[in-house]
Structures are given as C-alpha cells and as structure tokens.
Amino acid sequence: MATETDESDMGLGLTVLFALVALVGAGAMFAAPGQLNKAWGFGLAMLAATLAVVAAQLYA
C-alpha cells in the first residue's frame, strides 16, 4: 500500500522565527531599563519560546 507525505518547511521556519523573537525578548530582559520593561522582555521570551515549541510539534 503506497502512502504519500507532503513535507513543508513551515514548521522549521516558524520555529526559527519564534526562537529569534525569544532571543530579542531575552536581550530586552537584560538590557532594558526598569523592572517593568525587564518583565515584558521575560514575558515576550517565554511566549515566543512556547510558540517555537508548538510550531515545531504542530508541523512536524
């Protein structure tokens, strides 16, 4: 029985994109002045890292 699979690089692309956004958030966490800005950087990094994992799993 023959089966066909379609492979897409969308999962890889989204994973890399969200990983870069997570790095920006982590950089803001360390470089931003004030605790509130650091907290927003942390939140951005955590959200983007979560979305990177979801994208890798969803399109794998």
N, C-alpha and C. Protein backbone atom coordinates (compact mmCIF):
# COMPACT_ATOMS: atom_id res chain seq x y z
N MET A 1 0.84 -1.17 0.00
CA MET A 1 0.00 0.00 0.00
C MET A 1 0.89 1.24 0.00
N ALA A 2 0.72 2.08 -0.97
CA ALA A 2 1.56 3.27 -1.10
C ALA A 2 0.94 4.44 -0.34
N THR A 3 1.78 5.15 0.32
CA THR A 3 1.32 6.35 1.02
C THR A 3 2.18 7.52 0.59
N GLU A 4 1.58 8.67 0.57
CA GLU A 4 2.30 9.88 0.21
C GLU A 4 2.31 10.81 1.40
N THR A 5 3.43 11.50 1.56
CA THR A 5 3.51 12.50 2.60
C THR A 5 3.96 13.81 1.98
N ASP A 6 3.36 14.87 2.40
CA ASP A 6 3.77 16.21 2.00
C ASP A 6 4.62 16.78 3.11
N GLU A 7 5.80 17.22 2.77
CA GLU A 7 6.66 17.82 3.77
C GLU A 7 6.78 19.31 3.49
N SER A 8 6.73 20.06 4.55
CA SER A 8 6.82 21.51 4.44
C SER A 8 7.88 22.01 5.40
N ASP A 9 8.50 23.09 5.03
CA ASP A 9 9.49 23.71 5.90
C ASP A 9 8.87 24.79 6.77
N MET A 10 7.55 24.87 6.79
CA MET A 10 6.90 25.91 7.57
C MET A 10 7.19 25.74 9.05
N GLY A 11 7.20 24.52 9.53
CA GLY A 11 7.49 24.28 10.95
C GLY A 11 8.87 24.76 11.33
N LEU A 12 9.84 24.47 10.48
CA LEU A 12 11.20 24.92 10.74
C LEU A 12 11.30 26.43 10.69
N GLY A 13 10.67 27.02 9.70
CA GLY A 13 10.70 28.48 9.56
C GLY A 13 10.06 29.19 10.74
N LEU A 14 8.90 28.70 11.16
CA LEU A 14 8.22 29.32 12.30
C LEU A 14 9.02 29.11 13.59
N THR A 15 9.63 27.94 13.73
CA THR A 15 10.44 27.68 14.90
C THR A 15 11.61 28.64 14.99
N VAL A 16 12.29 28.84 13.86
CA VAL A 16 13.42 29.77 13.84
C VAL A 16 12.95 31.19 14.10
N LEU A 17 11.84 31.58 13.50
CA LEU A 17 11.30 32.93 13.71
C LEU A 17 10.99 33.18 15.18
N PHE A 18 10.27 32.26 15.80
CA PHE A 18 9.91 32.44 17.21
C PHE A 18 11.13 32.34 18.12
N ALA A 19 12.12 31.55 17.74
CA ALA A 19 13.36 31.49 18.52
C ALA A 19 14.09 32.82 18.47
N LEU A 20 14.09 33.47 17.31
CA LEU A 20 14.72 34.79 17.22
C LEU A 20 13.97 35.83 18.04
N VAL A 21 12.64 35.75 18.02
CA VAL A 21 11.84 36.67 18.84
C VAL A 21 12.12 36.41 20.32
N ALA A 22 12.29 35.15 20.69
CA ALA A 22 12.62 34.82 22.08
C ALA A 22 13.97 35.40 22.47
N LEU A 23 14.93 35.37 21.54
CA LEU A 23 16.24 35.97 21.83
C LEU A 23 16.14 37.48 22.01
N VAL A 24 15.30 38.12 21.23
CA VAL A 24 15.08 39.56 21.38
C VAL A 24 14.47 39.84 22.75
N GLY A 25 13.50 39.04 23.15
CA GLY A 25 12.89 39.20 24.46
C GLY A 25 13.88 38.98 25.59
N ALA A 26 14.75 37.99 25.44
CA ALA A 26 15.77 37.73 26.46
C ALA A 26 16.77 38.87 26.50
N GLY A 27 17.11 39.42 25.35
CA GLY A 27 18.01 40.58 25.33
C GLY A 27 17.37 41.78 26.00
N ALA A 28 16.08 41.98 25.77
CA ALA A 28 15.38 43.08 26.42
C ALA A 28 15.31 42.87 27.93
N MET A 29 15.22 41.61 28.33
CA MET A 29 15.16 41.30 29.75
C MET A 29 16.44 41.75 30.45
N PHE A 30 17.57 41.65 29.77
CA PHE A 30 18.84 42.02 30.39
C PHE A 30 19.21 43.48 30.15
N ALA A 31 18.83 44.05 29.00
CA ALA A 31 19.31 45.37 28.64
C ALA A 31 18.32 46.50 28.92
N ALA A 32 17.06 46.18 29.08
CA ALA A 32 16.06 47.22 29.25
C ALA A 32 16.17 47.87 30.63
N PRO A 33 15.97 49.18 30.67
CA PRO A 33 15.97 49.85 31.98
C PRO A 33 14.63 49.65 32.70
N GLY A 34 14.67 49.45 33.97
CA GLY A 34 13.45 49.33 34.76
C GLY A 34 12.93 47.91 34.85
N GLN A 35 12.34 47.62 35.98
CA GLN A 35 11.83 46.27 36.23
C GLN A 35 10.64 45.93 35.34
N LEU A 36 9.79 46.90 35.06
CA LEU A 36 8.61 46.61 34.24
C LEU A 36 9.02 46.24 32.82
N ASN A 37 9.99 46.93 32.26
CA ASN A 37 10.46 46.60 30.91
C ASN A 37 11.15 45.24 30.90
N LYS A 38 11.89 44.92 31.94
CA LYS A 38 12.52 43.61 32.03
C LYS A 38 11.45 42.51 32.12
N ALA A 39 10.38 42.79 32.84
CA ALA A 39 9.29 41.82 32.95
C ALA A 39 8.62 41.59 31.60
N TRP A 40 8.42 42.65 30.82
CA TRP A 40 7.85 42.50 29.49
C TRP A 40 8.78 41.70 28.59
N GLY A 41 10.08 41.92 28.71
CA GLY A 41 11.05 41.14 27.94
C GLY A 41 10.99 39.67 28.30
N PHE A 42 10.87 39.38 29.59
CA PHE A 42 10.75 37.99 30.04
C PHE A 42 9.47 37.36 29.50
N GLY A 43 8.37 38.10 29.57
CA GLY A 43 7.11 37.59 29.05
C GLY A 43 7.17 37.31 27.57
N LEU A 44 7.79 38.22 26.82
CA LEU A 44 7.94 38.01 25.38
C LEU A 44 8.80 36.79 25.09
N ALA A 45 9.89 36.64 25.83
CA ALA A 45 10.78 35.49 25.63
C ALA A 45 10.06 34.18 25.93
N MET A 46 9.29 34.14 27.00
CA MET A 46 8.59 32.90 27.36
C MET A 46 7.48 32.57 26.34
N LEU A 47 6.74 33.57 25.92
CA LEU A 47 5.68 33.34 24.94
C LEU A 47 6.25 32.88 23.61
N ALA A 48 7.30 33.54 23.15
CA ALA A 48 7.89 33.16 21.87
C ALA A 48 8.53 31.77 21.93
N ALA A 49 9.16 31.43 23.05
CA ALA A 49 9.74 30.10 23.19
C ALA A 49 8.65 29.03 23.17
N THR A 50 7.55 29.31 23.82
CA THR A 50 6.42 28.37 23.82
C THR A 50 5.87 28.19 22.41
N LEU A 51 5.73 29.29 21.69
CA LEU A 51 5.22 29.21 20.32
C LEU A 51 6.21 28.51 19.39
N ALA A 52 7.50 28.63 19.65
CA ALA A 52 8.51 27.92 18.86
C ALA A 52 8.35 26.41 19.03
N VAL A 53 8.14 25.98 20.25
CA VAL A 53 7.96 24.54 20.51
C VAL A 53 6.65 24.05 19.88
N VAL A 54 5.61 24.84 20.01
CA VAL A 54 4.32 24.46 19.42
C VAL A 54 4.44 24.35 17.90
N ALA A 55 5.10 25.31 17.26
CA ALA A 55 5.25 25.27 15.81
C ALA A 55 6.05 24.05 15.38
N ALA A 56 7.09 23.72 16.13
CA ALA A 56 7.90 22.55 15.77
C ALA A 56 7.08 21.27 15.90
N GLN A 57 6.24 21.18 16.90
CA GLN A 57 5.43 19.98 17.11
C GLN A 57 4.23 19.92 16.15
N LEU A 58 3.65 21.06 15.86
CA LEU A 58 2.45 21.09 15.04
C LEU A 58 2.74 20.74 13.59
N TYR A 59 3.85 21.21 13.07
CA TYR A 59 4.17 20.99 11.66
C TYR A 59 5.19 19.89 11.44
N ALA A 60 5.49 19.10 12.46
CA ALA A 60 6.47 18.02 12.31
C ALA A 60 5.88 16.84 11.57
